[in-house]
Structures are given as structure tokens and as C-alpha cells.
């Protein structure tokens, strides 16, 4: 089971209330989690028991180096979601930036297979 983020946490991060337009927030959340897994070269999980279940089911192995989403990884994912939500159209040079400042820095120690 891939990691998920609590919808209320995401809405609070975006400073949205239940009554405001939150369209595409689930899509951005899923996209940010998938992008973070790809960036880290590691599958993301919420708990060790989720990892253990997927190892037992043969979905992953310990060689896949699964990562539990802690506060730092969650912060980076929320940063990416916020960037996607605010800049969903590339209408300026600022919006064309690859990823938000700090995302790579936050995740650098978690990244597998970086090379030198």
C-alpha cells in the first residue's frame, strides 16, 4: 500500500476550508506522492506494518529500500502539492521552475542511488 496523506492536512496546508474549491487536490496529492517516490527511488509507506504487509505479499522486497513518510518527507510532499495547486498553469517564468525551492534539499538524505 503506497503512502497517503490526510486530506485535512493537505487542505490546511493549502489554506482551504471545506467550502472552498478543492478540485484537483486529490489529483495533486497523488501526483506529488508518485513524484516523490520517483525522486527518492524508493517506495513510500505510512507505517512499518504497511511495509511488512507488502513484503509478505511480494509487492516489494527489502532491496527496494522502502521509506516511511515522516514529518520531513510529508513537509516536502506538501510543499510540492502547494506549488502544483498555486501554479497549475505555466503562465510565467516563475511558474516554469522545475520544483519548489527546498524540495530537493528536504529529501536529499532520503534519496537512494544518488551516485556521486
N, C-alpha and C. Protein backbone atom coordinates (compact mmCIF):
# COMPACT_ATOMS: atom_id res chain seq x y z
N UNK A 1 0.85 -1.18 0.00
CA UNK A 1 0.00 0.00 0.00
C UNK A 1 0.89 1.24 0.00
N UNK A 2 0.73 2.05 -1.00
CA UNK A 2 1.50 3.28 -1.12
C UNK A 2 1.06 4.29 -0.07
N UNK A 3 1.94 5.17 0.27
CA UNK A 3 1.65 6.20 1.27
C UNK A 3 0.50 7.09 0.83
N UNK A 4 -0.19 7.62 1.80
CA UNK A 4 -1.25 8.60 1.56
C UNK A 4 -1.05 9.75 2.55
N UNK A 5 -1.66 10.87 2.26
CA UNK A 5 -1.67 11.99 3.19
C UNK A 5 -3.11 12.27 3.59
N UNK A 6 -3.31 12.67 4.82
CA UNK A 6 -4.62 13.03 5.32
C UNK A 6 -5.15 14.24 4.54
N UNK A 7 -6.37 14.12 4.02
CA UNK A 7 -6.96 15.20 3.21
C UNK A 7 -7.05 16.50 3.98
N UNK A 8 -7.37 16.45 5.27
CA UNK A 8 -7.47 17.67 6.07
C UNK A 8 -6.12 18.36 6.21
N UNK A 9 -5.06 17.58 6.34
CA UNK A 9 -3.71 18.14 6.41
C UNK A 9 -3.38 18.88 5.12
N UNK A 10 -3.72 18.28 4.00
CA UNK A 10 -3.45 18.91 2.70
C UNK A 10 -4.27 20.19 2.56
N UNK A 11 -5.56 20.14 2.90
CA UNK A 11 -6.41 21.33 2.79
C UNK A 11 -5.92 22.45 3.70
N UNK A 12 -5.49 22.10 4.92
CA UNK A 12 -4.95 23.12 5.83
C UNK A 12 -3.67 23.72 5.25
N UNK A 13 -2.82 22.88 4.66
CA UNK A 13 -1.58 23.38 4.07
C UNK A 13 -1.87 24.36 2.93
N UNK A 14 -2.93 24.10 2.18
CA UNK A 14 -3.31 24.98 1.09
C UNK A 14 -4.16 26.15 1.56
N UNK A 15 -4.47 26.16 2.85
CA UNK A 15 -5.32 27.19 3.47
C UNK A 15 -6.70 27.22 2.82
N UNK A 16 -7.24 26.02 2.59
CA UNK A 16 -8.57 25.89 2.04
C UNK A 16 -9.50 25.31 3.11
N UNK A 17 -10.72 25.76 3.11
CA UNK A 17 -11.72 25.17 4.01
C UNK A 17 -12.59 24.23 3.18
N UNK A 18 -13.45 23.48 3.85
CA UNK A 18 -14.29 22.52 3.15
C UNK A 18 -15.18 23.18 2.11
N UNK A 19 -15.57 24.43 2.32
CA UNK A 19 -16.47 25.11 1.40
C UNK A 19 -15.79 25.67 0.16
N UNK A 20 -14.48 25.77 0.18
CA UNK A 20 -13.76 26.35 -0.95
C UNK A 20 -13.51 25.31 -2.03
N UNK A 21 -13.20 25.80 -3.21
CA UNK A 21 -12.93 24.91 -4.34
C UNK A 21 -11.65 24.13 -4.09
N UNK A 22 -11.81 22.85 -3.88
CA UNK A 22 -10.67 21.98 -3.63
C UNK A 22 -10.52 20.98 -4.77
N UNK A 23 -11.03 21.36 -5.95
CA UNK A 23 -10.93 20.45 -7.08
C UNK A 23 -9.47 20.19 -7.40
N UNK A 24 -9.19 19.02 -7.79
CA UNK A 24 -7.85 18.56 -8.18
C UNK A 24 -6.89 18.36 -7.02
N UNK A 25 -7.29 18.65 -5.78
CA UNK A 25 -6.38 18.48 -4.65
C UNK A 25 -5.98 17.01 -4.51
N UNK A 26 -6.94 16.09 -4.66
CA UNK A 26 -6.61 14.67 -4.58
C UNK A 26 -5.65 14.27 -5.70
N UNK A 27 -5.88 14.82 -6.88
CA UNK A 27 -5.01 14.54 -8.01
C UNK A 27 -3.60 15.07 -7.75
N UNK A 28 -3.48 16.29 -7.23
CA UNK A 28 -2.17 16.85 -6.91
C UNK A 28 -1.48 16.04 -5.82
N UNK A 29 -2.26 15.58 -4.84
CA UNK A 29 -1.69 14.79 -3.74
C UNK A 29 -1.12 13.48 -4.27
N UNK A 30 -1.90 12.78 -5.06
CA UNK A 30 -1.42 11.53 -5.64
C UNK A 30 -0.20 11.77 -6.52
N UNK A 31 -0.25 12.80 -7.34
CA UNK A 31 0.88 13.13 -8.20
C UNK A 31 2.14 13.47 -7.42
N UNK A 32 1.98 14.21 -6.33
CA UNK A 32 3.14 14.59 -5.51
C UNK A 32 3.75 13.37 -4.83
N UNK A 33 2.92 12.44 -4.38
CA UNK A 33 3.44 11.22 -3.75
C UNK A 33 4.18 10.37 -4.78
N UNK A 34 3.60 10.21 -5.95
CA UNK A 34 4.25 9.42 -7.01
C UNK A 34 5.56 10.09 -7.44
N UNK A 35 5.54 11.41 -7.60
CA UNK A 35 6.76 12.13 -7.99
C UNK A 35 7.85 12.00 -6.93
N UNK A 36 7.44 12.03 -5.66
CA UNK A 36 8.42 11.91 -4.58
C UNK A 36 9.01 10.52 -4.54
N UNK A 37 8.19 9.50 -4.77
CA UNK A 37 8.72 8.14 -4.85
C UNK A 37 9.73 8.02 -5.98
N UNK A 38 9.42 8.61 -7.12
CA UNK A 38 10.33 8.56 -8.26
C UNK A 38 11.62 9.33 -7.96
N UNK A 39 11.49 10.49 -7.32
CA UNK A 39 12.67 11.29 -6.99
C UNK A 39 13.58 10.54 -6.00
N UNK A 40 12.97 9.89 -5.01
CA UNK A 40 13.74 9.20 -3.99
C UNK A 40 14.25 7.83 -4.45
N UNK A 41 13.66 7.31 -5.53
CA UNK A 41 13.95 5.94 -5.96
C UNK A 41 13.61 4.93 -4.86
N UNK A 42 12.54 5.23 -4.12
CA UNK A 42 12.12 4.38 -3.00
C UNK A 42 10.60 4.43 -2.90
N UNK A 43 9.96 3.30 -2.61
CA UNK A 43 8.52 3.34 -2.36
C UNK A 43 8.24 3.98 -1.01
N UNK A 44 7.13 4.71 -0.92
CA UNK A 44 6.76 5.41 0.31
C UNK A 44 5.60 4.70 1.00
N UNK A 45 5.69 4.63 2.32
CA UNK A 45 4.67 3.98 3.13
C UNK A 45 4.37 4.82 4.36
N UNK A 46 3.16 4.66 4.90
CA UNK A 46 2.79 5.38 6.11
C UNK A 46 3.33 4.72 7.37
N UNK A 47 3.38 3.39 7.40
CA UNK A 47 3.79 2.68 8.62
C UNK A 47 4.68 1.49 8.28
N UNK A 48 5.39 1.02 9.29
CA UNK A 48 6.21 -0.18 9.12
C UNK A 48 5.33 -1.40 8.85
N UNK A 49 4.15 -1.44 9.45
CA UNK A 49 3.26 -2.58 9.20
C UNK A 49 2.80 -2.62 7.74
N UNK A 50 2.63 -1.46 7.11
CA UNK A 50 2.31 -1.42 5.68
C UNK A 50 3.45 -1.99 4.85
N UNK A 51 4.67 -1.65 5.24
CA UNK A 51 5.85 -2.19 4.55
C UNK A 51 5.90 -3.70 4.72
N UNK A 52 5.74 -4.16 5.95
CA UNK A 52 5.79 -5.59 6.24
C UNK A 52 4.74 -6.36 5.45
N UNK A 53 3.54 -5.79 5.33
CA UNK A 53 2.46 -6.45 4.59
C UNK A 53 2.81 -6.57 3.11
N UNK A 54 3.39 -5.51 2.53
CA UNK A 54 3.75 -5.57 1.12
C UNK A 54 4.94 -6.49 0.86
N UNK A 55 5.85 -6.59 1.81
CA UNK A 55 6.96 -7.54 1.68
C UNK A 55 6.41 -8.96 1.75
N UNK A 56 5.51 -9.22 2.70
CA UNK A 56 4.91 -10.55 2.83
C UNK A 56 4.10 -10.93 1.60
N UNK A 57 3.46 -9.94 0.97
CA UNK A 57 2.66 -10.20 -0.23
C UNK A 57 3.50 -10.26 -1.50
N UNK A 58 4.78 -9.94 -1.39
CA UNK A 58 5.67 -9.99 -2.54
C UNK A 58 5.58 -8.76 -3.43
N UNK A 59 4.96 -7.71 -2.94
CA UNK A 59 4.84 -6.47 -3.72
C UNK A 59 6.19 -5.77 -3.82
N UNK A 60 6.92 -5.76 -2.72
CA UNK A 60 8.26 -5.18 -2.66
C UNK A 60 9.18 -6.14 -1.92
N UNK A 61 10.46 -5.84 -1.97
CA UNK A 61 11.44 -6.56 -1.16
C UNK A 61 12.20 -5.54 -0.32
N UNK A 62 12.97 -6.02 0.61
CA UNK A 62 13.79 -5.10 1.40
C UNK A 62 14.81 -4.38 0.52
N UNK A 63 15.18 -4.98 -0.60
CA UNK A 63 16.11 -4.35 -1.54
C UNK A 63 15.52 -3.08 -2.16
N UNK A 64 14.19 -2.95 -2.14
CA UNK A 64 13.55 -1.74 -2.66
C UNK A 64 13.74 -0.55 -1.73
N UNK A 65 14.25 -0.82 -0.53
CA UNK A 65 14.56 0.23 0.44
C UNK A 65 13.35 1.14 0.73
N UNK A 66 12.23 0.54 1.17
CA UNK A 66 11.03 1.35 1.41
C UNK A 66 11.26 2.42 2.47
N UNK A 67 10.53 3.51 2.35
CA UNK A 67 10.70 4.67 3.21
C UNK A 67 9.37 5.01 3.87
N UNK A 68 9.40 5.22 5.18
CA UNK A 68 8.21 5.66 5.90
C UNK A 68 8.12 7.18 5.79
N UNK A 69 6.92 7.68 5.50
CA UNK A 69 6.71 9.12 5.38
C UNK A 69 6.72 9.72 6.77
N UNK A 70 7.83 10.35 7.13
CA UNK A 70 7.92 11.05 8.41
C UNK A 70 7.58 12.52 8.18
N UNK A 71 7.77 13.35 9.19
CA UNK A 71 7.39 14.76 9.09
C UNK A 71 8.17 15.49 8.00
N UNK A 72 9.42 15.14 7.83
CA UNK A 72 10.24 15.82 6.82
C UNK A 72 9.79 15.47 5.41
N UNK A 73 9.56 14.19 5.15
CA UNK A 73 9.08 13.77 3.83
C UNK A 73 7.69 14.34 3.58
N UNK A 74 6.84 14.31 4.59
CA UNK A 74 5.50 14.88 4.45
C UNK A 74 5.58 16.37 4.13
N UNK A 75 6.48 17.08 4.78
CA UNK A 75 6.65 18.51 4.51
C UNK A 75 7.05 18.77 3.07
N UNK A 76 7.96 17.95 2.54
CA UNK A 76 8.38 18.10 1.15
C UNK A 76 7.22 17.82 0.20
N UNK A 77 6.44 16.79 0.48
CA UNK A 77 5.28 16.47 -0.35
C UNK A 77 4.27 17.61 -0.31
N UNK A 78 4.02 18.15 0.88
CA UNK A 78 3.09 19.27 1.00
C UNK A 78 3.59 20.50 0.24
N UNK A 79 4.89 20.72 0.26
CA UNK A 79 5.49 21.82 -0.49
C UNK A 79 5.23 21.65 -1.99
N UNK A 80 5.39 20.43 -2.47
CA UNK A 80 5.14 20.15 -3.88
C UNK A 80 3.66 20.30 -4.23
N UNK A 81 2.77 19.81 -3.37
CA UNK A 81 1.34 19.96 -3.60
C UNK A 81 0.97 21.44 -3.67
N UNK A 82 1.49 22.22 -2.74
CA UNK A 82 1.20 23.65 -2.74
C UNK A 82 1.67 24.33 -4.00
N UNK A 83 2.83 23.94 -4.49
CA UNK A 83 3.35 24.51 -5.72
C UNK A 83 2.46 24.14 -6.91
N UNK A 84 2.04 22.88 -6.96
CA UNK A 84 1.18 22.45 -8.07
C UNK A 84 -0.18 23.14 -8.01
N UNK A 85 -0.70 23.33 -6.81
CA UNK A 85 -2.01 23.96 -6.65
C UNK A 85 -1.96 25.43 -7.07
N UNK A 86 -0.92 26.13 -6.66
CA UNK A 86 -0.82 27.55 -6.96
C UNK A 86 -0.39 27.83 -8.39
N UNK A 87 0.37 26.93 -8.97
CA UNK A 87 0.93 27.16 -10.31
C UNK A 87 0.52 26.05 -11.27
N UNK A 88 -0.78 25.83 -11.37
CA UNK A 88 -1.23 24.74 -12.24
C UNK A 88 -1.16 25.10 -13.72
N UNK A 89 -0.87 26.35 -14.03
CA UNK A 89 -0.64 26.75 -15.41
C UNK A 89 0.71 27.46 -15.48
N UNK A 90 1.47 27.12 -16.50
CA UNK A 90 2.77 27.77 -16.69
C UNK A 90 2.56 29.09 -17.42
N UNK A 91 2.23 30.13 -16.66
CA UNK A 91 1.95 31.41 -17.30
C UNK A 91 3.03 32.45 -17.04
N UNK A 92 4.11 32.06 -16.40
CA UNK A 92 5.22 32.97 -16.18
C UNK A 92 6.50 32.17 -16.00
N UNK A 93 7.63 32.85 -16.02
CA UNK A 93 8.90 32.17 -15.81
C UNK A 93 8.98 31.56 -14.42
N UNK A 94 8.36 32.22 -13.44
CA UNK A 94 8.36 31.67 -12.08
C UNK A 94 7.63 30.35 -12.06
N UNK A 95 6.50 30.27 -12.74
CA UNK A 95 5.71 29.05 -12.76
C UNK A 95 6.42 27.92 -13.49
N UNK A 96 7.38 28.25 -14.34
CA UNK A 96 8.08 27.23 -15.11
C UNK A 96 9.20 26.56 -14.32
N UNK A 97 9.46 26.99 -13.10
CA UNK A 97 10.52 26.37 -12.32
C UNK A 97 10.20 24.89 -12.12
N UNK A 98 11.24 24.06 -12.12
CA UNK A 98 11.07 22.61 -12.06
C UNK A 98 10.27 22.18 -10.84
N UNK A 99 10.79 22.47 -9.69
CA UNK A 99 10.14 22.09 -8.44
C UNK A 99 10.38 23.21 -7.43
N UNK A 100 9.58 23.27 -6.37
CA UNK A 100 9.75 24.36 -5.43
C UNK A 100 11.09 24.30 -4.70
N UNK A 101 11.59 25.49 -4.37
CA UNK A 101 12.83 25.60 -3.62
C UNK A 101 12.69 24.83 -2.31
N UNK A 102 13.67 24.08 -1.97
CA UNK A 102 13.67 23.35 -0.71
C UNK A 102 13.23 21.90 -0.83
N UNK A 103 12.50 21.55 -1.87
CA UNK A 103 12.01 20.18 -2.04
C UNK A 103 13.19 19.20 -2.10
N UNK A 104 14.13 19.44 -3.00
CA UNK A 104 15.29 18.55 -3.13
C UNK A 104 16.12 18.54 -1.86
N UNK A 105 16.27 19.71 -1.25
CA UNK A 105 17.08 19.80 -0.03
C UNK A 105 16.46 18.99 1.09
N UNK A 106 15.14 19.09 1.26
CA UNK A 106 14.45 18.33 2.30
C UNK A 106 14.60 16.83 2.11
N UNK A 107 14.59 16.38 0.87
CA UNK A 107 14.60 14.95 0.58
C UNK A 107 15.99 14.37 0.32
N UNK A 108 17.00 15.19 0.27
CA UNK A 108 18.32 14.72 -0.17
C UNK A 108 18.87 13.57 0.66
N UNK A 109 18.64 13.55 1.94
CA UNK A 109 19.19 12.46 2.76
C UNK A 109 18.39 11.17 2.64
N UNK A 110 17.22 11.23 2.05
CA UNK A 110 16.36 10.05 1.89
C UNK A 110 16.53 9.40 0.51
N UNK A 111 17.20 10.08 -0.38
CA UNK A 111 17.29 9.63 -1.77
C UNK A 111 18.23 8.44 -1.91
N UNK A 112 17.76 7.41 -2.61
CA UNK A 112 18.57 6.21 -2.84
C UNK A 112 19.19 6.27 -4.23
N UNK A 113 20.39 5.74 -4.34
CA UNK A 113 21.05 5.63 -5.64
C UNK A 113 21.40 6.95 -6.27
N UNK A 114 21.85 7.91 -5.46
CA UNK A 114 22.19 9.23 -5.99
C UNK A 114 23.45 9.24 -6.82
N UNK A 115 24.36 8.37 -6.51
CA UNK A 115 25.66 8.42 -7.17
C UNK A 115 26.46 9.58 -6.61
N UNK A 116 27.62 9.79 -7.19
CA UNK A 116 28.49 10.86 -6.72
C UNK A 116 28.76 11.82 -7.85
